[in-house]
Amino acid sequence: MADHDDPCNELETSYCMNGGTCLKIPFMDNYLCLSCSENYKCSRCELYQLLITAHDAGETGLITAVVIMVLLILVVFTVVVSYTCK
């Protein structure tokens, strides 16, 4: 068993989607996607993986905390003003 896999023929290459490299495993009568194109993953290269860029988690948390504090101050200010005007 020197060779464990063979390249897929033209009909079998559709097993791997989105440009993935197909290999046939003869002793198992099965196919394998050796490598998927960029941003694709899973056993048949069928899932597109979205790339995200995130800010520093500490920066995002600080911005969220500031926004919450400002909202709380506005609510307290509105309650105080409404009671003093009555």
PDB file of N, CA and C in Angstrom:
ATOM      1  N   MET A   1       0.833  -1.182   0.000  1.00  0.00           N
ATOM      2  CA  MET A   1       0.000   0.000   0.000  1.00  0.00           C
ATOM      3  C   MET A   1       0.873   1.239   0.000  1.00  0.00           C
ATOM      4  N   ALA A   2       1.587   1.432  -1.074  1.00  0.00           N
ATOM      5  CA  ALA A   2       2.449   2.602  -1.175  1.00  0.00           C
ATOM      6  C   ALA A   2       1.631   3.859  -1.396  1.00  0.00           C
ATOM      7  N   ASP A   3       0.599   3.761  -2.230  1.00  0.00           N
ATOM      8  CA  ASP A   3      -0.255   4.922  -2.492  1.00  0.00           C
ATOM      9  C   ASP A   3      -1.550   4.779  -1.707  1.00  0.00           C
ATOM     10  N   HIS A   4      -1.832   5.789  -0.897  1.00  0.00           N
ATOM     11  CA  HIS A   4      -3.049   5.754  -0.091  1.00  0.00           C
ATOM     12  C   HIS A   4      -4.175   6.534  -0.741  1.00  0.00           C
ATOM     13  N   ASP A   5      -3.867   7.333  -1.736  1.00  0.00           N
ATOM     14  CA  ASP A   5      -4.903   8.117  -2.382  1.00  0.00           C
ATOM     15  C   ASP A   5      -4.551   8.355  -3.840  1.00  0.00           C
ATOM     16  N   ASP A   6      -5.571   8.622  -4.625  1.00  0.00           N
ATOM     17  CA  ASP A   6      -5.421   8.913  -6.044  1.00  0.00           C
ATOM     18  C   ASP A   6      -6.163  10.204  -6.347  1.00  0.00           C
ATOM     19  N   PRO A   7      -5.719  10.942  -7.351  1.00  0.00           N
ATOM     20  CA  PRO A   7      -6.490  12.124  -7.745  1.00  0.00           C
ATOM     21  C   PRO A   7      -7.873  11.697  -8.256  1.00  0.00           C
ATOM     22  N   CYS A   8      -8.866  12.504  -8.008  1.00  0.00           N
ATOM     23  CA  CYS A   8     -10.214  12.221  -8.484  1.00  0.00           C
ATOM     24  C   CYS A   8     -10.283  12.430  -9.992  1.00  0.00           C
ATOM     25  N   ASN A   9     -11.166  11.666 -10.651  1.00  0.00           N
ATOM     26  CA  ASN A   9     -11.361  11.885 -12.085  1.00  0.00           C
ATOM     27  C   ASN A   9     -12.310  13.073 -12.292  1.00  0.00           C
ATOM     28  N   GLU A  10     -12.611  13.387 -13.536  1.00  0.00           N
ATOM     29  CA  GLU A  10     -13.413  14.585 -13.837  1.00  0.00           C
ATOM     30  C   GLU A  10     -14.791  14.546 -13.196  1.00  0.00           C
ATOM     31  N   LEU A  11     -15.403  13.393 -13.129  1.00  0.00           N
ATOM     32  CA  LEU A  11     -16.734  13.289 -12.524  1.00  0.00           C
ATOM     33  C   LEU A  11     -16.675  13.407 -11.003  1.00  0.00           C
ATOM     34  N   GLU A  12     -15.606  12.943 -10.409  1.00  0.00           N
ATOM     35  CA  GLU A  12     -15.483  12.935  -8.952  1.00  0.00           C
ATOM     36  C   GLU A  12     -15.018  14.271  -8.380  1.00  0.00           C
ATOM     37  N   THR A  13     -14.432  15.124  -9.209  1.00  0.00           N
ATOM     38  CA  THR A  13     -13.899  16.385  -8.693  1.00  0.00           C
ATOM     39  C   THR A  13     -14.988  17.298  -8.150  1.00  0.00           C
ATOM     40  N   SER A  14     -16.234  17.077  -8.538  1.00  0.00           N
ATOM     41  CA  SER A  14     -17.315  17.921  -8.023  1.00  0.00           C
ATOM     42  C   SER A  14     -17.636  17.603  -6.556  1.00  0.00           C
ATOM     43  N   TYR A  15     -17.049  16.543  -6.021  1.00  0.00           N
ATOM     44  CA  TYR A  15     -17.253  16.225  -4.607  1.00  0.00           C
ATOM     45  C   TYR A  15     -16.801  17.380  -3.723  1.00  0.00           C
ATOM     46  N   CYS A  16     -15.660  17.954  -4.041  1.00  0.00           N
ATOM     47  CA  CYS A  16     -15.158  19.115  -3.300  1.00  0.00           C
ATOM     48  C   CYS A  16     -15.692  20.376  -3.955  1.00  0.00           C
ATOM     49  N   MET A  17     -16.369  21.183  -3.173  1.00  0.00           N
ATOM     50  CA  MET A  17     -16.972  22.404  -3.700  1.00  0.00           C
ATOM     51  C   MET A  17     -15.985  23.570  -3.631  1.00  0.00           C
ATOM     52  N   ASN A  18     -16.288  24.603  -4.352  1.00  0.00           N
ATOM     53  CA  ASN A  18     -15.579  25.880  -4.283  1.00  0.00           C
ATOM     54  C   ASN A  18     -14.074  25.761  -4.521  1.00  0.00           C
ATOM     55  N   GLY A  19     -13.691  24.893  -5.442  1.00  0.00           N
ATOM     56  CA  GLY A  19     -12.292  24.788  -5.839  1.00  0.00           C
ATOM     57  C   GLY A  19     -11.414  23.963  -4.932  1.00  0.00           C
ATOM     58  N   GLY A  20     -12.007  23.146  -4.056  1.00  0.00           N
ATOM     59  CA  GLY A  20     -11.213  22.291  -3.188  1.00  0.00           C
ATOM     60  C   GLY A  20     -10.547  21.170  -3.976  1.00  0.00           C
ATOM     61  N   THR A  21      -9.414  20.660  -3.488  1.00  0.00           N
ATOM     62  CA  THR A  21      -8.673  19.594  -4.152  1.00  0.00           C
ATOM     63  C   THR A  21      -9.214  18.239  -3.704  1.00  0.00           C
ATOM     64  N   CYS A  22      -9.691  17.441  -4.652  1.00  0.00           N
ATOM     65  CA  CYS A  22     -10.314  16.155  -4.354  1.00  0.00           C
ATOM     66  C   CYS A  22      -9.314  15.007  -4.492  1.00  0.00           C
ATOM     67  N   LEU A  23      -9.337  14.098  -3.521  1.00  0.00           N
ATOM     68  CA  LEU A  23      -8.541  12.878  -3.577  1.00  0.00           C
ATOM     69  C   LEU A  23      -9.457  11.691  -3.317  1.00  0.00           C
ATOM     70  N   LYS A  24      -9.190  10.591  -4.015  1.00  0.00           N
ATOM     71  CA  LYS A  24      -9.960   9.367  -3.834  1.00  0.00           C
ATOM     72  C   LYS A  24      -9.150   8.404  -2.974  1.00  0.00           C
ATOM     73  N   ILE A  25      -9.798   7.827  -1.968  1.00  0.00           N
ATOM     74  CA  ILE A  25      -9.154   6.844  -1.102  1.00  0.00           C
ATOM     75  C   ILE A  25      -9.672   5.480  -1.548  1.00  0.00           C
ATOM     76  N   PRO A  26      -8.880   4.751  -2.347  1.00  0.00           N
ATOM     77  CA  PRO A  26      -9.377   3.529  -2.987  1.00  0.00           C
ATOM     78  C   PRO A  26      -9.793   2.429  -2.016  1.00  0.00           C
ATOM     79  N   PHE A  27      -9.009   2.175  -0.977  1.00  0.00           N
ATOM     80  CA  PHE A  27      -9.327   1.050  -0.098  1.00  0.00           C
ATOM     81  C   PHE A  27     -10.552   1.305   0.764  1.00  0.00           C
ATOM     82  N   MET A  28     -11.015   2.552   0.862  1.00  0.00           N
ATOM     83  CA  MET A  28     -12.221   2.873   1.611  1.00  0.00           C
ATOM     84  C   MET A  28     -13.375   3.226   0.688  1.00  0.00           C
ATOM     85  N   ASP A  29     -13.107   3.343  -0.609  1.00  0.00           N
ATOM     86  CA  ASP A  29     -14.104   3.779  -1.586  1.00  0.00           C
ATOM     87  C   ASP A  29     -14.752   5.079  -1.127  1.00  0.00           C
ATOM     88  N   ASN A  30     -13.893   6.053  -0.825  1.00  0.00           N
ATOM     89  CA  ASN A  30     -14.343   7.319  -0.286  1.00  0.00           C
ATOM     90  C   ASN A  30     -13.533   8.450  -0.907  1.00  0.00           C
ATOM     91  N   TYR A  31     -14.006   9.670  -0.723  1.00  0.00           N
ATOM     92  CA  TYR A  31     -13.328  10.857  -1.243  1.00  0.00           C
ATOM     93  C   TYR A  31     -12.916  11.754  -0.084  1.00  0.00           C
ATOM     94  N   LEU A  32     -11.934  12.570  -0.352  1.00  0.00           N
ATOM     95  CA  LEU A  32     -11.409  13.473   0.659  1.00  0.00           C
ATOM     96  C   LEU A  32     -11.060  14.790  -0.010  1.00  0.00           C
ATOM     97  N   CYS A  33     -11.422  15.879   0.632  1.00  0.00           N
ATOM     98  CA  CYS A  33     -11.017  17.195   0.142  1.00  0.00           C
ATOM     99  C   CYS A  33      -9.738  17.569   0.868  1.00  0.00           C
ATOM    100  N   LEU A  34      -8.645  17.543   0.136  1.00  0.00           N
ATOM    101  CA  LEU A  34      -7.331  17.759   0.736  1.00  0.00           C
ATOM    102  C   LEU A  34      -7.153  19.205   1.173  1.00  0.00           C
ATOM    103  N   SER A  35      -7.480  20.137   0.320  1.00  0.00           N
ATOM    104  CA  SER A  35      -7.330  21.543   0.684  1.00  0.00           C
ATOM    105  C   SER A  35      -8.470  22.329   0.073  1.00  0.00           C
ATOM    106  N   CYS A  36      -8.987  23.248   0.856  1.00  0.00           N
ATOM    107  CA  CYS A  36     -10.073  24.116   0.399  1.00  0.00           C
ATOM    108  C   CYS A  36      -9.501  25.441  -0.073  1.00  0.00           C
ATOM    109  N   SER A  37     -10.254  26.113  -0.933  1.00  0.00           N
ATOM    110  CA  SER A  37      -9.869  27.453  -1.366  1.00  0.00           C
ATOM    111  C   SER A  37      -9.920  28.397  -0.173  1.00  0.00           C
ATOM    112  N   GLU A  38      -9.329  29.556  -0.347  1.00  0.00           N
ATOM    113  CA  GLU A  38      -9.275  30.532   0.734  1.00  0.00           C
ATOM    114  C   GLU A  38     -10.680  30.895   1.211  1.00  0.00           C
ATOM    115  N   ASN A  39     -10.877  30.965   2.508  1.00  0.00           N
ATOM    116  CA  ASN A  39     -12.122  31.325   3.190  1.00  0.00           C
ATOM    117  C   ASN A  39     -13.184  30.231   3.174  1.00  0.00           C
ATOM    118  N   TYR A  40     -12.892  29.037   2.647  1.00  0.00           N
ATOM    119  CA  TYR A  40     -13.849  27.935   2.681  1.00  0.00           C
ATOM    120  C   TYR A  40     -13.339  26.862   3.628  1.00  0.00           C
ATOM    121  N   LYS A  41     -14.273  26.142   4.267  1.00  0.00           N
ATOM    122  CA  LYS A  41     -13.879  25.109   5.214  1.00  0.00           C
ATOM    123  C   LYS A  41     -14.922  24.002   5.238  1.00  0.00           C
ATOM    124  N   CYS A  42     -14.738  23.016   6.060  1.00  0.00           N
ATOM    125  CA  CYS A  42     -15.553  21.819   6.287  1.00  0.00           C
ATOM    126  C   CYS A  42     -15.091  20.685   5.385  1.00  0.00           C
ATOM    127  N   SER A  43     -15.728  19.542   5.523  1.00  0.00           N
ATOM    128  CA  SER A  43     -15.243  18.329   4.870  1.00  0.00           C
ATOM    129  C   SER A  43     -15.312  18.391   3.352  1.00  0.00           C
ATOM    130  N   ARG A  44     -16.240  19.176   2.800  1.00  0.00           N
ATOM    131  CA  ARG A  44     -16.361  19.270   1.347  1.00  0.00           C
ATOM    132  C   ARG A  44     -16.130  20.703   0.854  1.00  0.00           C
ATOM    133  N   CYS A  45     -15.540  21.533   1.672  1.00  0.00           N
ATOM    134  CA  CYS A  45     -15.282  22.949   1.340  1.00  0.00           C
ATOM    135  C   CYS A  45     -16.582  23.691   1.040  1.00  0.00           C
ATOM    136  N   GLU A  46     -17.634  23.349   1.770  1.00  0.00           N
ATOM    137  CA  GLU A  46     -18.943  23.913   1.460  1.00  0.00           C
ATOM    138  C   GLU A  46     -19.306  25.148   2.264  1.00  0.00           C
ATOM    139  N   LEU A  47     -18.596  25.428   3.334  1.00  0.00           N
ATOM    140  CA  LEU A  47     -18.947  26.565   4.169  1.00  0.00           C
ATOM    141  C   LEU A  47     -17.983  27.729   3.949  1.00  0.00           C
ATOM    142  N   TYR A  48     -18.560  28.911   3.743  1.00  0.00           N
ATOM    143  CA  TYR A  48     -17.761  30.123   3.582  1.00  0.00           C
ATOM    144  C   TYR A  48     -17.525  30.719   4.959  1.00  0.00           C
ATOM    145  N   GLN A  49     -16.294  30.986   5.259  1.00  0.00           N
ATOM    146  CA  GLN A  49     -15.933  31.547   6.555  1.00  0.00           C
ATOM    147  C   GLN A  49     -15.738  33.043   6.391  1.00  0.00           C
ATOM    148  N   LEU A  50     -16.602  33.825   7.033  1.00  0.00           N
ATOM    149  CA  LEU A  50     -16.502  35.272   6.951  1.00  0.00           C
ATOM    150  C   LEU A  50     -15.303  35.754   7.763  1.00  0.00           C
ATOM    151  N   LEU A  51     -14.552  36.636   7.186  1.00  0.00           N
ATOM    152  CA  LEU A  51     -13.428  37.218   7.901  1.00  0.00           C
ATOM    153  C   LEU A  51     -13.904  38.477   8.596  1.00  0.00           C
ATOM    154  N   ILE A  52     -13.586  38.605   9.854  1.00  0.00           N
ATOM    155  CA  ILE A  52     -13.993  39.789  10.593  1.00  0.00           C
ATOM    156  C   ILE A  52     -12.759  40.472  11.149  1.00  0.00           C
ATOM    157  N   THR A  53     -12.867  41.741  11.259  1.00  0.00           N
ATOM    158  CA  THR A  53     -11.805  42.499  11.914  1.00  0.00           C
ATOM    159  C   THR A  53     -12.430  43.162  13.130  1.00  0.00           C
ATOM    160  N   ALA A  54     -11.874  42.928  14.273  1.00  0.00           N
ATOM    161  CA  ALA A  54     -12.429  43.460  15.511  1.00  0.00           C
ATOM    162  C   ALA A  54     -11.414  44.404  16.147  1.00  0.00           C
ATOM    163  N   HIS A  55     -11.965  45.373  16.822  1.00  0.00           N
ATOM    164  CA  HIS A  55     -11.112  46.279  17.583  1.00  0.00           C
ATOM    165  C   HIS A  55     -10.617  45.536  18.816  1.00  0.00           C
ATOM    166  N   ASP A  56      -9.700  46.136  19.485  1.00  0.00           N
ATOM    167  CA  ASP A  56      -9.200  45.572  20.730  1.00  0.00           C
ATOM    168  C   ASP A  56     -10.367  45.390  21.699  1.00  0.00           C
ATOM    169  N   ALA A  57     -10.448  44.251  22.331  1.00  0.00           N
ATOM    170  CA  ALA A  57     -11.569  43.951  23.228  1.00  0.00           C
ATOM    171  C   ALA A  57     -11.653  44.955  24.372  1.00  0.00           C
ATOM    172  N   GLY A  58     -10.517  45.387  24.881  1.00  0.00           N
ATOM    173  CA  GLY A  58     -10.520  46.371  25.958  1.00  0.00           C
ATOM    174  C   GLY A  58     -11.091  47.699  25.512  1.00  0.00           C
ATOM    175  N   GLU A  59     -10.759  48.104  24.293  1.00  0.00           N
ATOM    176  CA  GLU A  59     -11.270  49.356  23.744  1.00  0.00           C
ATOM    177  C   GLU A  59     -12.780  49.278  23.550  1.00  0.00           C
ATOM    178  N   THR A  60     -13.257  48.165  23.036  1.00  0.00           N
ATOM    179  CA  THR A  60     -14.689  47.985  22.817  1.00  0.00           C
ATOM    180  C   THR A  60     -15.438  47.986  24.138  1.00  0.00           C
ATOM    181  N   GLY A  61     -14.878  47.332  25.150  1.00  0.00           N
ATOM    182  CA  GLY A  61     -15.509  47.317  26.468  1.00  0.00           C
ATOM    183  C   GLY A  61     -15.562  48.692  27.094  1.00  0.00           C
ATOM    184  N   LEU A  62     -14.516  49.475  26.919  1.00  0.00           N
ATOM    185  CA  LEU A  62     -14.479  50.835  27.464  1.00  0.00           C
ATOM    186  C   LEU A  62     -15.533  51.705  26.796  1.00  0.00           C
ATOM    187  N   ILE A  63     -15.660  51.609  25.487  1.00  0.00           N
ATOM    188  CA  ILE A  63     -16.663  52.394  24.766  1.00  0.00           C
ATOM    189  C   ILE A  63     -18.065  52.002  25.222  1.00  0.00           C
ATOM    190  N   THR A  64     -18.302  50.712  25.394  1.00  0.00           N
ATOM    191  CA  THR A  64     -19.608  50.244  25.856  1.00  0.00           C
ATOM    192  C   THR A  64     -19.908  50.779  27.251  1.00  0.00           C
ATOM    193  N   ALA A  65     -18.937  50.744  28.131  1.00  0.00           N
ATOM    194  CA  ALA A  65     -19.134  51.239  29.498  1.00  0.00           C
ATOM    195  C   ALA A  65     -19.436  52.734  29.500  1.00  0.00           C
ATOM    196  N   VAL A  66     -18.759  53.514  28.686  1.00  0.00           N
ATOM    197  CA  VAL A  66     -18.983  54.957  28.618  1.00  0.00           C
ATOM    198  C   VAL A  66     -20.395  55.242  28.103  1.00  0.00           C
ATOM    199  N   VAL A  67     -20.816  54.529  27.077  1.00  0.00           N
ATOM    200  CA  VAL A  67     -22.165  54.737  26.524  1.00  0.00           C
ATOM    201  C   VAL A  67     -23.224  54.404  27.574  1.00  0.00           C
ATOM    202  N   ILE A  68     -23.048  53.316  28.307  1.00  0.00           N
ATOM    203  CA  ILE A  68     -24.015  52.947  29.355  1.00  0.00           C
ATOM    204  C   ILE A  68     -24.054  54.005  30.453  1.00  0.00           C
ATOM    205  N   MET A  69     -22.899  54.491  30.865  1.00  0.00           N
ATOM    206  CA  MET A  69     -22.859  55.528  31.908  1.00  0.00           C
ATOM    207  C   MET A  69     -23.551  56.810  31.450  1.00  0.00           C
ATOM    208  N   VAL A  70     -23.321  57.213  30.221  1.00  0.00           N
ATOM    209  CA  VAL A  70     -23.963  58.428  29.693  1.00  0.00           C
ATOM    210  C   VAL A  70     -25.479  58.250  29.666  1.00  0.00           C
ATOM    211  N   LEU A  71     -25.937  57.079  29.248  1.00  0.00           N
ATOM    212  CA  LEU A  71     -27.378  56.825  29.228  1.00  0.00           C
ATOM    213  C   LEU A  71     -27.976  56.851  30.626  1.00  0.00           C
ATOM    214  N   LEU A  72     -27.273  56.253  31.592  1.00  0.00           N
ATOM    215  CA  LEU A  72     -27.763  56.275  32.970  1.00  0.00           C
ATOM    216  C   LEU A  72     -27.823  57.703  33.526  1.00  0.00           C
ATOM    217  N   ILE A  73     -26.821  58.502  33.237  1.00  0.00           N
ATOM    218  CA  ILE A  73     -26.805  59.901  33.698  1.00  0.00           C
ATOM    219  C   ILE A  73     -27.969  60.665  33.073  1.00  0.00           C
ATOM    220  N   LEU A  74     -28.238  60.436  31.804  1.00  0.00           N
ATOM    221  CA  LEU A  74     -29.367  61.110  31.143  1.00  0.00           C
ATOM    222  C   LEU A  74     -30.698  60.690  31.755  1.00  0.00           C
ATOM    223  N   VAL A  75     -30.848  59.424  32.086  1.00  0.00           N
ATOM    224  CA  VAL A  75     -32.092  58.955  32.708  1.00  0.00           C
ATOM    225  C   VAL A  75     -32.265  59.595  34.084  1.00  0.00           C
ATOM    226  N   VAL A  76     -31.216  59.600  34.894  1.00  0.00           N
ATOM    227  CA  VAL A  76     -31.291  60.211  36.225  1.00  0.00           C
ATOM    228  C   VAL A  76     -31.588  61.702  36.100  1.00  0.00           C
ATOM    229  N   PHE A  77     -30.938  62.378  35.185  1.00  0.00           N
ATOM    230  CA  PHE A  77     -31.173  63.810  34.969  1.00  0.00           C
ATOM    231  C   PHE A  77     -32.619  64.061  34.561  1.00  0.00           C
ATOM    232  N   THR A  78     -33.169  63.245  33.691  1.00  0.00           N
ATOM    233  CA  THR A  78     -34.553  63.403  33.248  1.00  0.00           C
ATOM    234  C   THR A  78     -35.526  63.188  34.400  1.00  0.00           C
ATOM    235  N   VAL A  79     -35.268  62.200  35.239  1.00  0.00           N
ATOM    236  CA  VAL A  79     -36.134  61.944  36.396  1.00  0.00           C
ATOM    237  C   VAL A  79     -36.075  63.114  37.369  1.00  0.00           C
ATOM    238  N   VAL A  80     -34.900  63.625  37.643  1.00  0.00           N
ATOM    239  CA  VAL A  80     -34.743  64.757  38.572  1.00  0.00           C
ATOM    240  C   VAL A  80     -35.459  65.993  38.033  1.00  0.00           C
ATOM    241  N   VAL A  81     -35.306  66.289  36.761  1.00  0.00           N
ATOM    242  CA  VAL A  81     -35.939  67.460  36.159  1.00  0.00           C
ATOM    243  C   VAL A  81     -37.459  67.295  36.167  1.00  0.00           C
ATOM    244  N   SER A  82     -37.962  66.109  35.904  1.00  0.00           N
ATOM    245  CA  SER A  82     -39.420  65.922  35.875  1.00  0.00           C
ATOM    246  C   SER A  82     -40.025  66.074  37.270  1.00  0.00           C
ATOM    247  N   TYR A  83     -39.337  65.630  38.331  1.00  0.00           N
ATOM    248  CA  TYR A  83     -39.841  65.791  39.680  1.00  0.00           C
ATOM    249  C   TYR A  83     -39.759  67.249  40.163  1.00  0.00           C
ATOM    250  N   THR A  84     -38.734  67.958  39.755  1.00  0.00           N
ATOM    251  CA  THR A  84     -38.617  69.347  40.208  1.00  0.00           C
ATOM    252  C   THR A  84     -39.573  70.259  39.483  1.00  0.00           C
ATOM    253  N   CYS A  85     -40.012  69.902  38.292  1.00  0.00           N
ATOM    254  CA  CYS A  85     -40.962  70.739  37.544  1.00  0.00           C
ATOM    255  C   CYS A  85     -42.403  70.533  38.001  1.00  0.00           C
ATOM    256  N   LYS A  86     -42.692  69.475  38.737  1.00  0.00           N
ATOM    257  CA  LYS A  86     -44.064  69.208  39.183  1.00  0.00           C
ATOM    258  C   LYS A  86     -44.443  70.027  40.347  1.00  0.00           C
TER     259      LYS A  86
END
